[in-house]
Amino acid sequence: MNFRVNTDTWFVFSILFISALALCIILYITIPYFIRKRQVDRVKSRYKRKNLKYNQLERKKLNSNYQTKRTISKN
């Protein structure tokens, strides 16, 4: 049984393996972070749109009330 271990080859493979593990760990952390960040932005924009629509409705309601009071006072 003539089996020799080439230390240079093992060193290269171990560095590649450790690099692949580090890349997996980094991706395991960063992918959910960016997904969550995108979800938070989506929720914020939904809240802004909802608030804008509510303000527009309120202004429309105030304008209609003002116009009805104005027409009533003219009569």
PDB file of N, CA and C in Angstrom:
ATOM      1  N   MET A   1       0.824  -1.171   0.000  1.00  0.00           N
ATOM      2  CA  MET A   1       0.000   0.000   0.000  1.00  0.00           C
ATOM      3  C   MET A   1       0.871   1.237   0.000  1.00  0.00           C
ATOM      4  N   ASN A   2       0.973   1.829  -1.160  1.00  0.00           N
ATOM      5  CA  ASN A   2       1.818   3.004  -1.311  1.00  0.00           C
ATOM      6  C   ASN A   2       0.909   4.240  -1.399  1.00  0.00           C
ATOM      7  N   PHE A   3       0.604   4.822  -0.247  1.00  0.00           N
ATOM      8  CA  PHE A   3      -0.297   5.966  -0.210  1.00  0.00           C
ATOM      9  C   PHE A   3       0.435   7.137   0.420  1.00  0.00           C
ATOM     10  N   ARG A   4       0.595   8.192  -0.378  1.00  0.00           N
ATOM     11  CA  ARG A   4       1.251   9.394   0.133  1.00  0.00           C
ATOM     12  C   ARG A   4       0.278  10.557   0.123  1.00  0.00           C
ATOM     13  N   VAL A   5       0.403  11.420   1.109  1.00  0.00           N
ATOM     14  CA  VAL A   5      -0.438  12.602   1.202  1.00  0.00           C
ATOM     15  C   VAL A   5       0.379  13.801   0.752  1.00  0.00           C
ATOM     16  N   ASN A   6      -0.093  14.435  -0.313  1.00  0.00           N
ATOM     17  CA  ASN A   6       0.568  15.633  -0.788  1.00  0.00           C
ATOM     18  C   ASN A   6       0.019  16.815   0.015  1.00  0.00           C
ATOM     19  N   THR A   7       0.848  17.429   0.828  1.00  0.00           N
ATOM     20  CA  THR A   7       0.381  18.488   1.731  1.00  0.00           C
ATOM     21  C   THR A   7      -0.079  19.731   0.967  1.00  0.00           C
ATOM     22  N   ASP A   8       0.527  20.012  -0.166  1.00  0.00           N
ATOM     23  CA  ASP A   8       0.104  21.183  -0.935  1.00  0.00           C
ATOM     24  C   ASP A   8      -1.318  21.015  -1.457  1.00  0.00           C
ATOM     25  N   THR A   9      -1.652  19.843  -1.936  1.00  0.00           N
ATOM     26  CA  THR A   9      -2.993  19.580  -2.446  1.00  0.00           C
ATOM     27  C   THR A   9      -4.018  19.670  -1.324  1.00  0.00           C
ATOM     28  N   TRP A  10      -3.724  19.072  -0.169  1.00  0.00           N
ATOM     29  CA  TRP A  10      -4.642  19.137   0.958  1.00  0.00           C
ATOM     30  C   TRP A  10      -4.822  20.565   1.447  1.00  0.00           C
ATOM     31  N   PHE A  11      -3.760  21.327   1.428  1.00  0.00           N
ATOM     32  CA  PHE A  11      -3.845  22.723   1.850  1.00  0.00           C
ATOM     33  C   PHE A  11      -4.772  23.502   0.925  1.00  0.00           C
ATOM     34  N   VAL A  12      -4.630  23.319  -0.383  1.00  0.00           N
ATOM     35  CA  VAL A  12      -5.479  24.021  -1.352  1.00  0.00           C
ATOM     36  C   VAL A  12      -6.938  23.614  -1.177  1.00  0.00           C
ATOM     37  N   PHE A  13      -7.190  22.320  -1.042  1.00  0.00           N
ATOM     38  CA  PHE A  13      -8.565  21.853  -0.872  1.00  0.00           C
ATOM     39  C   PHE A  13      -9.180  22.334   0.441  1.00  0.00           C
ATOM     40  N   SER A  14      -8.380  22.378   1.495  1.00  0.00           N
ATOM     41  CA  SER A  14      -8.915  22.846   2.780  1.00  0.00           C
ATOM     42  C   SER A  14      -9.233  24.342   2.715  1.00  0.00           C
ATOM     43  N   ILE A  15      -8.406  25.119   2.044  1.00  0.00           N
ATOM     44  CA  ILE A  15      -8.688  26.559   1.881  1.00  0.00           C
ATOM     45  C   ILE A  15      -9.954  26.743   1.053  1.00  0.00           C
ATOM     46  N   LEU A  16     -10.110  25.987  -0.019  1.00  0.00           N
ATOM     47  CA  LEU A  16     -11.330  26.090  -0.834  1.00  0.00           C
ATOM     48  C   LEU A  16     -12.568  25.687  -0.036  1.00  0.00           C
ATOM     49  N   PHE A  17     -12.461  24.643   0.776  1.00  0.00           N
ATOM     50  CA  PHE A  17     -13.588  24.194   1.583  1.00  0.00           C
ATOM     51  C   PHE A  17     -13.974  25.240   2.624  1.00  0.00           C
ATOM     52  N   ILE A  18     -12.990  25.808   3.289  1.00  0.00           N
ATOM     53  CA  ILE A  18     -13.254  26.844   4.290  1.00  0.00           C
ATOM     54  C   ILE A  18     -13.855  28.081   3.622  1.00  0.00           C
ATOM     55  N   SER A  19     -13.377  28.419   2.434  1.00  0.00           N
ATOM     56  CA  SER A  19     -13.936  29.571   1.712  1.00  0.00           C
ATOM     57  C   SER A  19     -15.389  29.319   1.325  1.00  0.00           C
ATOM     58  N   ALA A  20     -15.698  28.110   0.891  1.00  0.00           N
ATOM     59  CA  ALA A  20     -17.078  27.784   0.532  1.00  0.00           C
ATOM     60  C   ALA A  20     -17.984  27.849   1.758  1.00  0.00           C
ATOM     61  N   LEU A  21     -17.512  27.364   2.904  1.00  0.00           N
ATOM     62  CA  LEU A  21     -18.298  27.448   4.136  1.00  0.00           C
ATOM     63  C   LEU A  21     -18.524  28.902   4.544  1.00  0.00           C
ATOM     64  N   ALA A  22     -17.498  29.722   4.431  1.00  0.00           N
ATOM     65  CA  ALA A  22     -17.632  31.144   4.778  1.00  0.00           C
ATOM     66  C   ALA A  22     -18.631  31.827   3.851  1.00  0.00           C
ATOM     67  N   LEU A  23     -18.598  31.493   2.576  1.00  0.00           N
ATOM     68  CA  LEU A  23     -19.550  32.072   1.624  1.00  0.00           C
ATOM     69  C   LEU A  23     -20.984  31.660   1.968  1.00  0.00           C
ATOM     70  N   CYS A  24     -21.170  30.404   2.331  1.00  0.00           N
ATOM     71  CA  CYS A  24     -22.513  29.946   2.735  1.00  0.00           C
ATOM     72  C   CYS A  24     -22.999  30.679   3.970  1.00  0.00           C
ATOM     73  N   ILE A  25     -22.131  30.879   4.936  1.00  0.00           N
ATOM     74  CA  ILE A  25     -22.516  31.590   6.160  1.00  0.00           C
ATOM     75  C   ILE A  25     -22.883  33.037   5.840  1.00  0.00           C
ATOM     76  N   ILE A  26     -22.091  33.690   5.016  1.00  0.00           N
ATOM     77  CA  ILE A  26     -22.367  35.082   4.655  1.00  0.00           C
ATOM     78  C   ILE A  26     -23.692  35.184   3.905  1.00  0.00           C
ATOM     79  N   LEU A  27     -23.940  34.290   2.959  1.00  0.00           N
ATOM     80  CA  LEU A  27     -25.199  34.308   2.216  1.00  0.00           C
ATOM     81  C   LEU A  27     -26.379  33.987   3.125  1.00  0.00           C
ATOM     82  N   TYR A  28     -26.178  33.093   4.109  1.00  0.00           N
ATOM     83  CA  TYR A  28     -27.240  32.733   5.043  1.00  0.00           C
ATOM     84  C   TYR A  28     -27.673  33.948   5.869  1.00  0.00           C
ATOM     85  N   ILE A  29     -26.754  34.868   6.099  1.00  0.00           N
ATOM     86  CA  ILE A  29     -27.058  36.073   6.872  1.00  0.00           C
ATOM     87  C   ILE A  29     -27.590  37.186   5.979  1.00  0.00           C
ATOM     88  N   THR A  30     -26.971  37.406   4.820  1.00  0.00           N
ATOM     89  CA  THR A  30     -27.307  38.576   4.009  1.00  0.00           C
ATOM     90  C   THR A  30     -28.605  38.433   3.223  1.00  0.00           C
ATOM     91  N   ILE A  31     -28.926  37.261   2.733  1.00  0.00           N
ATOM     92  CA  ILE A  31     -30.149  37.098   1.922  1.00  0.00           C
ATOM     93  C   ILE A  31     -31.397  37.432   2.734  1.00  0.00           C
ATOM     94  N   PRO A  32     -31.593  36.884   3.942  1.00  0.00           N
ATOM     95  CA  PRO A  32     -32.773  37.280   4.722  1.00  0.00           C
ATOM     96  C   PRO A  32     -32.770  38.760   5.098  1.00  0.00           C
ATOM     97  N   TYR A  33     -31.577  39.330   5.315  1.00  0.00           N
ATOM     98  CA  TYR A  33     -31.498  40.752   5.658  1.00  0.00           C
ATOM     99  C   TYR A  33     -32.070  41.608   4.533  1.00  0.00           C
ATOM    100  N   PHE A  34     -31.656  41.342   3.308  1.00  0.00           N
ATOM    101  CA  PHE A  34     -32.133  42.154   2.185  1.00  0.00           C
ATOM    102  C   PHE A  34     -33.609  41.885   1.886  1.00  0.00           C
ATOM    103  N   ILE A  35     -34.068  40.658   2.086  1.00  0.00           N
ATOM    104  CA  ILE A  35     -35.491  40.363   1.892  1.00  0.00           C
ATOM    105  C   ILE A  35     -36.317  41.131   2.921  1.00  0.00           C
ATOM    106  N   ARG A  36     -35.872  41.120   4.164  1.00  0.00           N
ATOM    107  CA  ARG A  36     -36.590  41.831   5.224  1.00  0.00           C
ATOM    108  C   ARG A  36     -36.569  43.334   4.971  1.00  0.00           C
ATOM    109  N   LYS A  37     -35.454  43.843   4.502  1.00  0.00           N
ATOM    110  CA  LYS A  37     -35.339  45.276   4.203  1.00  0.00           C
ATOM    111  C   LYS A  37     -36.325  45.662   3.099  1.00  0.00           C
ATOM    112  N   ARG A  38     -36.457  44.836   2.080  1.00  0.00           N
ATOM    113  CA  ARG A  38     -37.399  45.101   0.994  1.00  0.00           C
ATOM    114  C   ARG A  38     -38.841  45.048   1.507  1.00  0.00           C
ATOM    115  N   GLN A  39     -39.132  44.113   2.403  1.00  0.00           N
ATOM    116  CA  GLN A  39     -40.482  44.022   2.977  1.00  0.00           C
ATOM    117  C   GLN A  39     -40.814  45.255   3.804  1.00  0.00           C
ATOM    118  N   VAL A  40     -39.849  45.742   4.575  1.00  0.00           N
ATOM    119  CA  VAL A  40     -40.075  46.935   5.391  1.00  0.00           C
ATOM    120  C   VAL A  40     -40.339  48.133   4.485  1.00  0.00           C
ATOM    121  N   ASP A  41     -39.594  48.259   3.401  1.00  0.00           N
ATOM    122  CA  ASP A  41     -39.827  49.351   2.453  1.00  0.00           C
ATOM    123  C   ASP A  41     -41.217  49.252   1.841  1.00  0.00           C
ATOM    124  N   ARG A  42     -41.663  48.041   1.534  1.00  0.00           N
ATOM    125  CA  ARG A  42     -42.986  47.837   0.961  1.00  0.00           C
ATOM    126  C   ARG A  42     -44.078  48.236   1.959  1.00  0.00           C
ATOM    127  N   VAL A  43     -43.887  47.881   3.226  1.00  0.00           N
ATOM    128  CA  VAL A  43     -44.867  48.236   4.256  1.00  0.00           C
ATOM    129  C   VAL A  43     -44.899  49.754   4.450  1.00  0.00           C
ATOM    130  N   LYS A  44     -43.726  50.379   4.442  1.00  0.00           N
ATOM    131  CA  LYS A  44     -43.678  51.837   4.592  1.00  0.00           C
ATOM    132  C   LYS A  44     -44.387  52.534   3.442  1.00  0.00           C
ATOM    133  N   SER A  45     -44.154  52.071   2.230  1.00  0.00           N
ATOM    134  CA  SER A  45     -44.799  52.712   1.080  1.00  0.00           C
ATOM    135  C   SER A  45     -46.308  52.477   1.111  1.00  0.00           C
ATOM    136  N   ARG A  46     -46.732  51.298   1.562  1.00  0.00           N
ATOM    137  CA  ARG A  46     -48.166  51.025   1.689  1.00  0.00           C
ATOM    138  C   ARG A  46     -48.789  51.970   2.727  1.00  0.00           C
ATOM    139  N   TYR A  47     -48.111  52.188   3.839  1.00  0.00           N
ATOM    140  CA  TYR A  47     -48.609  53.087   4.863  1.00  0.00           C
ATOM    141  C   TYR A  47     -48.684  54.525   4.334  1.00  0.00           C
ATOM    142  N   LYS A  48     -47.646  54.944   3.577  1.00  0.00           N
ATOM    143  CA  LYS A  48     -47.653  56.293   3.007  1.00  0.00           C
ATOM    144  C   LYS A  48     -48.818  56.471   2.038  1.00  0.00           C
ATOM    145  N   ARG A  49     -49.031  55.463   1.180  1.00  0.00           N
ATOM    146  CA  ARG A  49     -50.151  55.547   0.229  1.00  0.00           C
ATOM    147  C   ARG A  49     -51.492  55.609   0.963  1.00  0.00           C
ATOM    148  N   LYS A  50     -51.628  54.788   1.992  1.00  0.00           N
ATOM    149  CA  LYS A  50     -52.869  54.762   2.763  1.00  0.00           C
ATOM    150  C   LYS A  50     -53.101  56.110   3.436  1.00  0.00           C
ATOM    151  N   ASN A  51     -52.069  56.662   4.001  1.00  0.00           N
ATOM    152  CA  ASN A  51     -52.164  57.958   4.660  1.00  0.00           C
ATOM    153  C   ASN A  51     -52.502  59.060   3.654  1.00  0.00           C
ATOM    154  N   LEU A  52     -51.883  59.010   2.481  1.00  0.00           N
ATOM    155  CA  LEU A  52     -52.162  59.995   1.439  1.00  0.00           C
ATOM    156  C   LEU A  52     -53.614  59.906   0.988  1.00  0.00           C
ATOM    157  N   LYS A  53     -54.109  58.699   0.762  1.00  0.00           N
ATOM    158  CA  LYS A  53     -55.504  58.525   0.350  1.00  0.00           C
ATOM    159  C   LYS A  53     -56.458  59.024   1.432  1.00  0.00           C
ATOM    160  N   TYR A  54     -56.127  58.747   2.691  1.00  0.00           N
ATOM    161  CA  TYR A  54     -56.969  59.200   3.785  1.00  0.00           C
ATOM    162  C   TYR A  54     -57.004  60.726   3.833  1.00  0.00           C
ATOM    163  N   ASN A  55     -55.848  61.354   3.657  1.00  0.00           N
ATOM    164  CA  ASN A  55     -55.800  62.824   3.654  1.00  0.00           C
ATOM    165  C   ASN A  55     -56.583  63.403   2.479  1.00  0.00           C
ATOM    166  N   GLN A  56     -56.477  62.781   1.317  1.00  0.00           N
ATOM    167  CA  GLN A  56     -57.240  63.254   0.158  1.00  0.00           C
ATOM    168  C   GLN A  56     -58.741  63.131   0.409  1.00  0.00           C
ATOM    169  N   LEU A  57     -59.154  62.020   0.987  1.00  0.00           N
ATOM    170  CA  LEU A  57     -60.564  61.824   1.296  1.00  0.00           C
ATOM    171  C   LEU A  57     -61.048  62.853   2.317  1.00  0.00           C
ATOM    172  N   GLU A  58     -60.223  63.113   3.306  1.00  0.00           N
ATOM    173  CA  GLU A  58     -60.583  64.090   4.328  1.00  0.00           C
ATOM    174  C   GLU A  58     -60.715  65.494   3.718  1.00  0.00           C
ATOM    175  N   ARG A  59     -59.762  65.850   2.854  1.00  0.00           N
ATOM    176  CA  ARG A  59     -59.845  67.158   2.182  1.00  0.00           C
ATOM    177  C   ARG A  59     -61.083  67.247   1.298  1.00  0.00           C
ATOM    178  N   LYS A  60     -61.386  66.173   0.609  1.00  0.00           N
ATOM    179  CA  LYS A  60     -62.567  66.155  -0.251  1.00  0.00           C
ATOM    180  C   LYS A  60     -63.835  66.313   0.587  1.00  0.00           C
ATOM    181  N   LYS A  61     -63.873  65.643   1.718  1.00  0.00           N
ATOM    182  CA  LYS A  61     -65.023  65.732   2.608  1.00  0.00           C
ATOM    183  C   LYS A  61     -65.152  67.145   3.173  1.00  0.00           C
ATOM    184  N   LEU A  62     -64.047  67.740   3.571  1.00  0.00           N
ATOM    185  CA  LEU A  62     -64.080  69.106   4.093  1.00  0.00           C
ATOM    186  C   LEU A  62     -64.531  70.088   3.023  1.00  0.00           C
ATOM    187  N   ASN A  63     -64.049  69.914   1.800  1.00  0.00           N
ATOM    188  CA  ASN A  63     -64.450  70.799   0.708  1.00  0.00           C
ATOM    189  C   ASN A  63     -65.933  70.664   0.401  1.00  0.00           C
ATOM    190  N   SER A  64     -66.437  69.443   0.430  1.00  0.00           N
ATOM    191  CA  SER A  64     -67.861  69.255   0.140  1.00  0.00           C
ATOM    192  C   SER A  64     -68.708  69.857   1.257  1.00  0.00           C
ATOM    193  N   ASN A  65     -68.268  69.713   2.518  1.00  0.00           N
ATOM    194  CA  ASN A  65     -68.992  70.322   3.631  1.00  0.00           C
ATOM    195  C   ASN A  65     -68.970  71.841   3.531  1.00  0.00           C
ATOM    196  N   TYR A  66     -67.833  72.378   3.158  1.00  0.00           N
ATOM    197  CA  TYR A  66     -67.703  73.828   3.020  1.00  0.00           C
ATOM    198  C   TYR A  66     -68.630  74.338   1.915  1.00  0.00           C
ATOM    199  N   GLN A  67     -68.690  73.610   0.797  1.00  0.00           N
ATOM    200  CA  GLN A  67     -69.523  74.042  -0.309  1.00  0.00           C
ATOM    201  C   GLN A  67     -70.996  73.928   0.035  1.00  0.00           C
ATOM    202  N   THR A  68     -71.402  72.900   0.769  1.00  0.00           N
ATOM    203  CA  THR A  68     -72.820  72.773   1.139  1.00  0.00           C
ATOM    204  C   THR A  68     -73.208  73.889   2.133  1.00  0.00           C
ATOM    205  N   LYS A  69     -72.316  74.202   3.065  1.00  0.00           N
ATOM    206  CA  LYS A  69     -72.602  75.291   4.015  1.00  0.00           C
ATOM    207  C   LYS A  69     -72.693  76.625   3.280  1.00  0.00           C
ATOM    208  N   ARG A  70     -71.865  76.764   2.294  1.00  0.00           N
ATOM    209  CA  ARG A  70     -71.843  78.000   1.517  1.00  0.00           C
ATOM    210  C   ARG A  70     -73.154  78.166   0.724  1.00  0.00           C
ATOM    211  N   THR A  71     -73.623  77.077   0.122  1.00  0.00           N
ATOM    212  CA  THR A  71     -74.869  77.148  -0.642  1.00  0.00           C
ATOM    213  C   THR A  71     -76.055  77.342   0.282  1.00  0.00           C
ATOM    214  N   ILE A  72     -76.021  76.753   1.460  1.00  0.00           N
ATOM    215  CA  ILE A  72     -77.112  76.919   2.422  1.00  0.00           C
ATOM    216  C   ILE A  72     -77.168  78.354   2.904  1.00  0.00           C
ATOM    217  N   SER A  73     -75.993  78.947   3.172  1.00  0.00           N
ATOM    218  CA  SER A  73     -75.966  80.318   3.665  1.00  0.00           C
ATOM    219  C   SER A  73     -76.399  81.322   2.599  1.00  0.00           C
ATOM    220  N   LYS A  74     -76.214  81.013   1.342  1.00  0.00           N
ATOM    221  CA  LYS A  74     -76.652  81.895   0.246  1.00  0.00           C
ATOM    222  C   LYS A  74     -78.158  81.914   0.138  1.00  0.00           C
ATOM    223  N   ASN A  75     -78.799  80.797   0.414  1.00  0.00           N
ATOM    224  CA  ASN A  75     -80.268  80.702   0.294  1.00  0.00           C
ATOM    225  C   ASN A  75     -80.863  81.364   1.479  1.00  0.00           C
TER     226      ASN A  75
END
